[in-house]
């Protein structure tokens, strides 16, 4: 029994509005309006009205007097000024170099005094599960101004992506993944009537036709990335995270279908063979990847396949009250730390992702801290959540730096992050698209 290969893919035009509306309700009931949620900075910037059918422009503000760190170059600029106009960085650098830009926006800009603090670009969480307004706001408040979804149950990430366009103080800019491409989708079948025929399949979503169908439905709903797996979960005591559920050929079908729709692919994986099969099938990033081996690292370096180790999730697993999960976490955490350091030494691109979900949101700064503990130099640990993660999720021209033309996202911290990256776990101020994020 399989899905009819002649059945056309669902129509995005006919259903996307309904999916967005339903997902908004599941995410917490936010109305997508043109009015920004109240905040001192939001009031300073001119707004496009709902009548225009376009989101409001970004904020205009000046971050004055902090120590600016550019993760790309490693350059540190003391007594720096960052000028953000309509949500985009107009200038960033020394007081002298930015004085004309300051003068151009001074009359309308909000000013944030940053003396004694460090200024960095907004951080990027390359693997997070956000399904509610509360979780989304917590993630951005902790410094993650751009994120890549690791999937949601009912397309909530698509609605949150839209919410972030309209009220950027409430949710991070999102790359949405929609529904997990997995052999046993369970109740996520109910997320979309076009997925319901898959419930007939005795062996689950395994045939080429079924795999393509799940990808096509996701693409029709407007996802940016496709999430699949090669191993079972580590976070369930009844599953074996080293058991392989898809082979290389099945993964290649998913990758090919995603590519046809212009999407990238992230792959949940743990076992050495599973990781290698996923890389050889062409996925864009390996998630978790505890038993990543040197042979596969060399292939990842050649292909520029990213490694997103989700160290914070492993650390949380080690502290789980379930004894099976806690033992698994204690076993996996030192292994994956060694894999991260070896991958770094081998030149594998690395991105930070917390794998947060279910109302427990780890600060992306915690992932940076664990990268440092694994042996990465402080600057390179910071790069995993700035320039590196931005490149992985396709935002390298607008996120990960505070430079002209980049999006006006920033975090301010009270201590030197190059001396102690742990300061990034608790930003004193977060700026999203030129607006201050409410605590």
Protein backbone atom coordinates (compact mmCIF):
# COMPACT_ATOMS: atom_id res chain seq x y z
CA UNK A 1 0.00 0.00 0.00
CA UNK A 2 1.37 3.40 -0.93
CA UNK A 3 0.38 6.93 -1.77
CA UNK A 4 -0.90 7.35 -5.31
CA UNK A 5 2.06 8.91 -7.15
CA UNK A 6 -0.34 10.56 -9.59
CA UNK A 7 -2.06 12.60 -6.90
CA UNK A 8 -1.10 16.24 -7.46
CA UNK A 9 0.54 18.15 -4.62
CA UNK A 10 -1.73 20.39 -2.54
CA UNK A 11 -2.37 23.95 -3.60
CA UNK A 12 -0.47 26.47 -1.52
CA UNK A 13 -2.69 29.32 -2.71
CA UNK A 14 -5.88 27.60 -1.60
CA UNK A 15 -4.77 26.55 1.86
CA UNK A 16 -1.95 28.70 3.22
CA UNK A 17 -4.26 31.34 4.69
CA UNK A 18 -6.20 28.66 6.58
CA UNK A 19 -3.02 27.02 7.82
CA UNK A 20 -1.67 30.35 9.06
CA UNK A 21 -4.92 31.19 10.82
CA UNK A 22 -5.09 27.80 12.54
CA UNK A 23 -1.45 27.90 13.50
CA UNK A 24 -1.84 31.36 15.03
CA UNK A 25 -4.59 30.02 17.29
CA UNK A 26 -2.35 27.12 18.34
CA UNK A 27 0.56 29.49 18.93
CA UNK A 28 -1.45 31.57 21.36
CA UNK A 29 -4.13 33.49 19.53
CA UNK A 30 -2.19 36.51 18.31
CA UNK A 31 -3.88 38.71 15.75
CA UNK A 32 -1.63 39.64 12.85
CA UNK A 33 -2.09 43.39 12.84
CA UNK A 34 0.13 46.23 11.75
CA UNK A 35 0.43 47.72 15.23
CA UNK A 36 3.63 46.91 17.08
CA UNK A 37 3.23 45.85 20.70
CA UNK A 38 3.81 48.75 23.03
CA UNK A 39 7.41 49.66 23.65
CA UNK A 40 9.32 52.90 23.84
CA UNK A 41 11.30 52.23 20.71
CA UNK A 42 8.32 51.13 18.63
CA UNK A 43 6.62 54.47 19.16
CA UNK A 44 9.61 56.29 17.68
CA UNK A 45 9.49 54.63 14.27
CA UNK A 46 6.94 55.47 11.57
CA UNK A 47 4.53 52.63 10.93
CA UNK A 48 2.92 51.43 7.75
CA UNK A 49 -0.75 50.93 8.38
CA UNK A 50 -2.66 47.67 8.14
CA UNK A 51 -4.48 49.16 5.17
CA UNK A 52 -1.29 48.98 3.11
CA UNK A 53 -1.14 45.23 3.67
CA UNK A 54 2.55 45.44 4.54
CA UNK A 55 4.31 44.99 7.89
CA UNK A 56 5.54 48.06 9.74
CA UNK A 57 9.00 49.40 9.07
CA UNK A 58 11.75 48.67 11.54
CA UNK A 59 12.85 50.96 14.30
CA UNK A 60 15.37 53.79 14.12
CA UNK A 61 17.81 54.02 16.98
CA UNK A 62 21.40 54.71 17.95
CA UNK A 63 23.42 52.39 20.20
CA UNK A 64 25.92 54.80 21.65
CA UNK A 65 29.25 54.23 23.36
CA UNK A 66 29.56 50.46 23.76
CA UNK A 67 32.44 48.14 22.81
CA UNK A 68 31.49 46.63 19.45
CA UNK A 69 32.54 43.09 18.47
CA UNK A 70 32.42 42.01 14.83
CA UNK A 71 32.39 38.19 14.88
CA UNK A 72 33.44 37.92 11.25
CA UNK A 73 36.73 39.79 11.61
CA UNK A 74 37.18 39.58 15.36
CA UNK A 75 37.63 43.35 15.42
CA UNK A 76 36.85 45.09 18.70
CA UNK A 77 35.91 48.80 18.54
CA UNK A 78 35.78 50.74 21.79
CA UNK A 79 33.40 53.68 22.26
CA UNK A 80 31.57 52.53 19.14
CA UNK A 81 28.30 53.73 17.67
CA UNK A 82 25.72 51.65 15.80
CA UNK A 83 23.14 53.51 13.73
CA UNK A 84 19.98 51.60 12.79
CA UNK A 85 17.50 53.22 10.41
CA UNK A 86 14.12 51.62 9.64
CA UNK A 87 15.37 48.29 10.99
CA UNK A 88 18.60 48.17 8.97
CA UNK A 89 22.14 49.01 10.05
CA UNK A 90 23.13 52.28 8.44
CA UNK A 91 26.57 52.48 10.07
CA UNK A 92 28.63 50.77 12.79
CA UNK A 93 32.08 51.76 13.96
CA UNK A 94 33.99 54.54 15.61
CA UNK A 95 32.31 57.73 16.76
CA UNK A 96 34.16 59.69 14.09
CA UNK A 97 33.29 57.29 11.26
CA UNK A 98 29.57 57.30 12.12
CA UNK A 99 29.04 60.98 12.96
CA UNK A 100 27.34 61.89 9.65
CA UNK A 101 24.99 58.92 9.96
CA UNK A 102 24.15 59.89 13.53
CA UNK A 103 23.34 63.41 12.39
CA UNK A 104 21.04 62.09 9.64
CA UNK A 105 18.77 60.19 12.04
CA UNK A 106 19.24 62.05 15.33
CA UNK A 107 15.87 63.84 15.24
CA UNK A 108 13.84 60.64 14.97
CA UNK A 109 16.09 58.03 16.61
CA UNK A 110 15.78 56.49 20.02
CA UNK A 111 19.18 56.43 21.77
CA UNK A 112 20.43 53.53 23.87
CA UNK A 113 23.42 54.38 26.05
CA UNK A 114 25.81 51.44 25.95
CA UNK A 115 28.83 52.79 27.82
CA UNK A 116 30.50 50.03 29.82
CA UNK A 117 28.72 47.31 27.84
CA UNK A 118 29.61 45.12 24.87
CA UNK A 119 27.55 45.21 21.68
CA UNK A 120 27.22 42.15 19.45
CA UNK A 121 24.89 41.20 16.60
CA UNK A 122 21.70 39.39 17.52
CA UNK A 123 22.36 35.70 18.08
CA UNK A 124 21.15 32.88 15.83
CA UNK A 125 19.68 29.60 17.14
CA UNK A 126 19.90 27.11 14.28
CA UNK A 127 17.76 24.41 15.94
CA UNK A 128 14.80 25.30 18.15
CA UNK A 129 11.18 24.20 18.46
CA UNK A 130 8.89 27.20 18.99
CA UNK A 131 5.18 26.48 19.16
CA UNK A 132 3.76 29.22 21.39
CA UNK A 133 3.93 32.97 21.78
CA UNK A 134 5.44 32.53 25.23
CA UNK A 135 8.30 30.36 23.95
CA UNK A 136 8.96 32.68 21.02
CA UNK A 137 9.17 35.71 23.26
CA UNK A 138 11.42 33.91 25.72
CA UNK A 139 13.82 32.89 22.93
CA UNK A 140 14.16 36.43 21.61
CA UNK A 141 14.41 37.93 25.09
CA UNK A 142 17.40 35.63 25.67
CA UNK A 143 19.13 36.96 22.56
CA UNK A 144 18.06 34.70 19.69
CA UNK A 145 16.85 37.26 17.13
CA UNK A 146 16.96 34.77 14.23
CA UNK A 147 16.18 31.05 14.42
CA UNK A 148 15.68 27.94 12.35
CA UNK A 149 12.78 25.75 13.42
CA UNK A 150 13.45 22.10 14.13
CA UNK A 151 9.77 21.37 13.22
CA UNK A 152 6.44 21.87 14.97
CA UNK A 153 3.37 19.67 15.29
CA UNK A 154 0.80 21.88 13.56
CA UNK A 155 2.68 24.48 11.49
CA UNK A 156 2.95 26.91 14.39
CA UNK A 157 6.39 27.94 13.17
CA UNK A 158 4.90 29.24 9.92
CA UNK A 159 2.53 31.48 11.87
CA UNK A 160 5.33 32.61 14.18
CA UNK A 161 7.40 33.51 11.13
CA UNK A 162 4.59 35.85 10.08
CA UNK A 163 4.18 37.20 13.60
CA UNK A 164 7.88 38.13 13.65
CA UNK A 165 7.39 40.19 10.49
CA UNK A 166 4.59 42.20 12.07
CA UNK A 167 5.80 42.48 15.67
CA UNK A 168 9.55 41.73 15.73
CA UNK A 169 9.76 42.41 19.48
CA UNK A 170 7.61 39.32 20.16
CA UNK A 171 9.24 36.58 18.10
CA UNK A 172 12.58 35.94 16.40
CA UNK A 173 12.92 35.98 12.64
CA UNK A 174 12.08 32.40 11.68
CA UNK A 175 13.08 29.80 9.12
CA UNK A 176 10.10 27.44 9.33
CA UNK A 177 10.27 23.65 9.00
CA UNK A 178 6.64 22.67 9.41
CA UNK A 179 5.97 18.95 9.90
CA UNK A 180 8.70 16.41 10.68
CA UNK A 181 9.33 13.90 7.87
CA UNK A 182 9.44 10.76 9.99
CA UNK A 183 8.32 7.13 9.53
CA UNK A 184 5.56 7.42 12.15
CA UNK A 185 4.06 10.93 12.08
CA UNK A 186 1.39 10.11 14.67
CA UNK A 187 -1.03 12.93 15.40
CA UNK A 188 0.82 15.33 13.08
CA UNK A 189 -1.13 13.60 10.30
CA UNK A 190 -4.04 15.69 11.59
CA UNK A 191 -2.16 18.93 10.93
CA UNK A 192 -3.16 18.87 7.31
CA UNK A 193 -5.93 17.05 5.39
CA UNK A 194 -3.48 16.45 2.56
CA UNK A 195 -1.42 14.28 4.91
CA UNK A 196 -4.34 12.09 6.02
CA UNK A 197 -3.94 9.52 3.20
CA UNK A 198 -0.58 8.61 4.74
CA UNK A 199 -2.46 7.11 7.70
CA UNK A 200 -3.36 4.14 5.45
CA UNK A 201 0.25 3.07 5.13
CA UNK A 202 0.96 -0.08 7.11
CA UNK A 203 4.71 0.54 7.25
CA UNK A 204 4.47 4.29 7.76
CA UNK A 205 6.11 7.01 5.70
CA UNK A 206 8.86 4.98 4.05
CA UNK A 207 8.13 4.58 0.36
CA UNK A 208 9.49 7.13 -2.13
CA UNK A 209 5.93 8.24 -2.89
CA UNK A 210 5.09 8.79 0.79
CA UNK A 211 8.33 10.65 1.48
CA UNK A 212 7.80 12.93 -1.50
CA UNK A 213 4.23 13.52 -0.39
CA UNK A 214 5.25 14.72 3.07
CA UNK A 215 7.83 17.05 1.56
CA UNK A 216 5.39 18.39 -1.04
CA UNK A 217 2.74 19.16 1.57
CA UNK A 218 5.28 21.00 3.70
CA UNK A 219 6.48 22.98 0.70
CA UNK A 220 2.94 23.86 -0.30
CA UNK A 221 2.36 25.25 3.17
CA UNK A 222 5.35 27.55 2.76
CA UNK A 223 8.18 26.01 4.78
CA UNK A 224 11.77 27.14 4.29
CA UNK A 225 13.46 23.91 5.39
CA UNK A 226 12.62 20.22 5.66
CA UNK A 227 13.33 18.30 8.87
CA UNK A 228 13.90 14.55 8.67
CA UNK A 229 15.67 11.89 10.70
CA UNK A 230 17.95 8.89 10.37
CA UNK A 231 17.77 7.62 13.98
CA UNK A 232 15.23 7.31 16.76
CA UNK A 233 15.04 9.87 19.58
CA UNK A 234 17.45 10.19 22.49
CA UNK A 235 14.86 12.01 24.59
CA UNK A 236 12.47 9.07 24.85
CA UNK A 237 13.32 6.21 27.24
CA UNK A 238 11.45 3.74 25.02
CA UNK A 239 13.47 4.54 21.89
CA UNK A 240 17.00 3.61 20.87
CA UNK A 241 18.80 6.65 19.45
CA UNK A 242 21.25 4.39 17.60
CA UNK A 243 18.51 2.55 15.73
CA UNK A 244 18.40 3.65 12.09
CA UNK A 245 14.94 4.37 10.66
CA UNK A 246 15.78 5.60 7.13
CA UNK A 247 18.53 4.37 4.82
CA UNK A 248 20.62 6.45 2.45
CA UNK A 249 18.25 5.93 -0.49
CA UNK A 250 15.20 7.05 1.49
CA UNK A 251 17.03 10.12 2.73
CA UNK A 252 18.12 10.92 -0.82
CA UNK A 253 14.48 10.89 -1.94
CA UNK A 254 13.62 13.44 0.76
CA UNK A 255 16.60 15.62 -0.12
CA UNK A 256 15.77 15.56 -3.84
CA UNK A 257 12.13 16.50 -3.20
CA UNK A 258 13.19 19.35 -0.93
CA UNK A 259 15.69 20.65 -3.48
CA UNK A 260 13.03 20.75 -6.18
CA UNK A 261 11.03 23.04 -3.92
CA UNK A 262 14.00 25.23 -3.04
CA UNK A 263 14.29 24.02 0.56
CA UNK A 264 17.26 22.84 2.59
CA UNK A 265 17.27 19.72 4.79
CA UNK A 266 18.28 19.18 8.41
CA UNK A 267 18.64 15.63 9.73
CA UNK A 268 18.22 14.31 13.28
CA UNK A 269 20.97 11.71 13.77
CA UNK A 270 23.09 9.90 16.37
CA UNK A 271 24.76 6.74 15.04
CA UNK A 272 27.99 6.81 13.06
CA UNK A 273 26.53 4.91 10.10
CA UNK A 274 23.32 6.94 10.17
CA UNK A 275 25.21 10.22 10.14
CA UNK A 276 27.37 9.05 7.24
CA UNK A 277 24.31 7.92 5.25
CA UNK A 278 22.64 11.30 5.83
CA UNK A 279 25.70 13.23 4.70
CA UNK A 280 26.10 11.08 1.61
CA UNK A 281 22.39 11.56 0.84
CA UNK A 282 23.04 15.31 0.66
CA UNK A 283 21.49 16.82 3.78
CA UNK A 284 22.56 20.36 4.63
CA UNK A 285 23.12 19.83 8.33
CA UNK A 286 23.57 17.07 10.87
CA UNK A 287 21.64 17.66 14.10
CA UNK A 288 22.89 16.14 17.38
CA UNK A 289 25.38 13.78 15.69
CA UNK A 290 26.83 12.24 18.85
CA UNK A 291 28.84 9.52 17.14
CA UNK A 292 30.09 11.63 14.25
CA UNK A 293 33.25 9.93 12.95
CA UNK A 294 36.37 11.31 11.30
CA UNK A 295 35.57 9.73 7.93
CA UNK A 296 32.25 11.56 7.88
CA UNK A 297 33.82 14.78 9.13
CA UNK A 298 36.10 14.82 6.13
CA UNK A 299 33.11 14.35 3.84
CA UNK A 300 31.24 17.13 5.64
CA UNK A 301 34.18 19.47 5.22
CA UNK A 302 34.30 18.69 1.50
CA UNK A 303 30.56 19.16 1.03
CA UNK A 304 30.29 22.07 3.50
CA UNK A 305 27.70 20.13 5.49
CA UNK A 306 27.06 21.81 8.84
CA UNK A 307 27.20 20.20 12.26
CA UNK A 308 24.60 21.43 14.80
CA UNK A 309 25.44 19.44 17.95
CA UNK A 310 22.73 20.85 20.29
CA UNK A 311 24.99 20.57 23.32
CA UNK A 312 22.51 22.31 25.61
CA UNK A 313 19.96 19.59 24.91
CA UNK A 314 22.54 16.92 25.76
CA UNK A 315 23.39 18.70 29.01
CA UNK A 316 19.69 18.90 29.89
CA UNK A 317 19.27 15.21 29.15
CA UNK A 318 22.03 14.41 31.66
CA UNK A 319 19.98 16.22 34.32
CA UNK A 320 16.69 14.52 33.45
CA UNK A 321 14.77 12.94 36.37
CA UNK A 322 14.25 9.78 34.30
CA UNK A 323 17.24 7.53 35.15
CA UNK A 324 17.43 6.06 31.64
CA UNK A 325 17.58 9.48 30.03
CA UNK A 326 19.99 10.85 32.62
CA UNK A 327 22.39 7.97 32.05
CA UNK A 328 22.10 8.46 28.30
CA UNK A 329 22.86 12.16 28.67
CA UNK A 330 25.87 11.51 30.90
CA UNK A 331 27.20 9.07 28.31
CA UNK A 332 26.55 11.27 25.27
CA UNK A 333 27.69 14.69 26.54
CA UNK A 334 31.45 14.04 26.76
CA UNK A 335 31.36 12.08 23.49
CA UNK A 336 29.70 14.89 21.57
CA UNK A 337 31.99 17.51 23.11
CA UNK A 338 34.96 15.56 21.75
CA UNK A 339 33.19 15.32 18.37
CA UNK A 340 32.65 19.09 18.31
CA UNK A 341 36.32 19.82 18.98
CA UNK A 342 37.47 17.29 16.39
CA UNK A 343 35.00 18.63 13.82
CA UNK A 344 36.28 22.15 14.49
CA UNK A 345 39.87 21.01 14.02
CA UNK A 346 38.90 19.23 10.79
CA UNK A 347 37.28 22.37 9.37
CA UNK A 348 33.66 21.20 9.54
CA UNK A 349 31.31 24.24 9.70
CA UNK A 350 29.53 24.33 13.07
CA UNK A 351 26.30 26.08 14.03
CA UNK A 352 24.79 26.59 17.47
CA UNK A 353 21.31 25.28 18.25
CA UNK A 354 19.69 24.67 21.63
CA UNK A 355 16.98 22.18 20.55
CA UNK A 356 14.75 23.93 23.09
CA UNK A 357 11.08 23.01 23.14
CA UNK A 358 8.00 22.49 25.25
CA UNK A 359 8.13 25.60 27.40
CA UNK A 360 11.78 25.18 28.44
CA UNK A 361 13.87 27.61 26.38
CA UNK A 362 17.62 27.49 26.88
CA UNK A 363 19.47 30.72 26.13
CA UNK A 364 21.49 30.45 22.95
CA UNK A 365 24.33 31.80 25.09
CA UNK A 366 24.31 28.48 26.94
CA UNK A 367 25.11 26.71 23.67
CA UNK A 368 28.01 29.12 23.10
CA UNK A 369 29.24 28.41 26.62
CA UNK A 370 29.20 24.66 25.93
CA UNK A 371 31.03 25.16 22.63
CA UNK A 372 33.72 26.94 24.63
CA UNK A 373 33.79 24.09 27.16
CA UNK A 374 34.25 21.67 24.27
CA UNK A 375 37.49 23.44 23.40
CA UNK A 376 36.61 26.09 20.81
CA UNK A 377 38.31 29.48 21.24
CA UNK A 378 35.91 32.11 22.57
CA UNK A 379 35.62 33.99 19.27
CA UNK A 380 34.93 30.82 17.31
CA UNK A 381 32.38 29.69 19.88
CA UNK A 382 30.60 33.04 19.38
CA UNK A 383 30.79 32.58 15.61
CA UNK A 384 28.78 29.34 15.86
CA UNK A 385 25.79 31.47 16.97
CA UNK A 386 26.45 34.44 14.68
CA UNK A 387 28.21 34.19 11.31
CA UNK A 388 28.23 30.38 11.24
CA UNK A 389 24.58 29.81 12.11
CA UNK A 390 23.54 32.71 9.85
CA UNK A 391 25.28 31.05 6.91
CA UNK A 392 23.63 27.71 7.63
CA UNK A 393 20.11 29.15 7.63
CA UNK A 394 20.66 31.38 4.61
CA UNK A 395 20.88 34.73 6.41
CA UNK A 396 24.60 35.40 6.03
CA UNK A 397 23.91 38.72 4.29
CA UNK A 398 21.59 40.04 6.98
CA UNK A 399 22.43 38.34 10.30
CA UNK A 400 25.52 37.56 12.35
CA UNK A 401 27.15 41.00 12.07
CA UNK A 402 26.43 44.64 12.78
CA UNK A 403 27.53 46.12 9.46
CA UNK A 404 25.98 48.40 6.88
CA UNK A 405 23.01 46.74 5.17
CA UNK A 406 22.56 44.06 7.82
CA UNK A 407 19.39 43.79 9.86
CA UNK A 408 19.28 45.89 12.99
CA UNK A 409 19.46 43.05 15.52
CA UNK A 410 21.80 43.36 18.51
CA UNK A 411 22.51 42.08 22.00
CA UNK A 412 24.15 44.13 24.74
CA UNK A 413 25.97 42.36 27.57
CA UNK A 414 27.62 43.68 30.71
CA UNK A 415 30.98 41.90 30.47
CA UNK A 416 33.60 41.04 27.86
CA UNK A 417 32.33 37.91 26.04
CA UNK A 418 35.82 37.14 24.74
CA UNK A 419 36.94 36.65 28.34
CA UNK A 420 33.81 34.86 29.49
CA UNK A 421 31.25 33.76 26.89
CA UNK A 422 28.81 32.89 29.69
CA UNK A 423 27.81 36.58 29.78
CA UNK A 424 25.88 35.91 26.55
CA UNK A 425 23.39 33.79 28.48
CA UNK A 426 21.84 36.92 29.98
CA UNK A 427 21.81 39.94 27.64
CA UNK A 428 20.98 43.21 29.35
CA UNK A 429 19.29 44.53 26.19
CA UNK A 430 18.08 42.85 23.01
CA UNK A 431 17.31 44.76 19.81
CA UNK A 432 15.21 43.16 17.08
CA UNK A 433 14.80 44.99 13.76
CA UNK A 434 15.63 48.25 15.47
CA UNK A 435 13.15 47.75 18.33
CA UNK A 436 13.95 47.07 21.98
CA UNK A 437 12.61 43.71 23.15
CA UNK A 438 10.59 43.93 26.35
CA UNK A 439 11.90 41.88 29.27
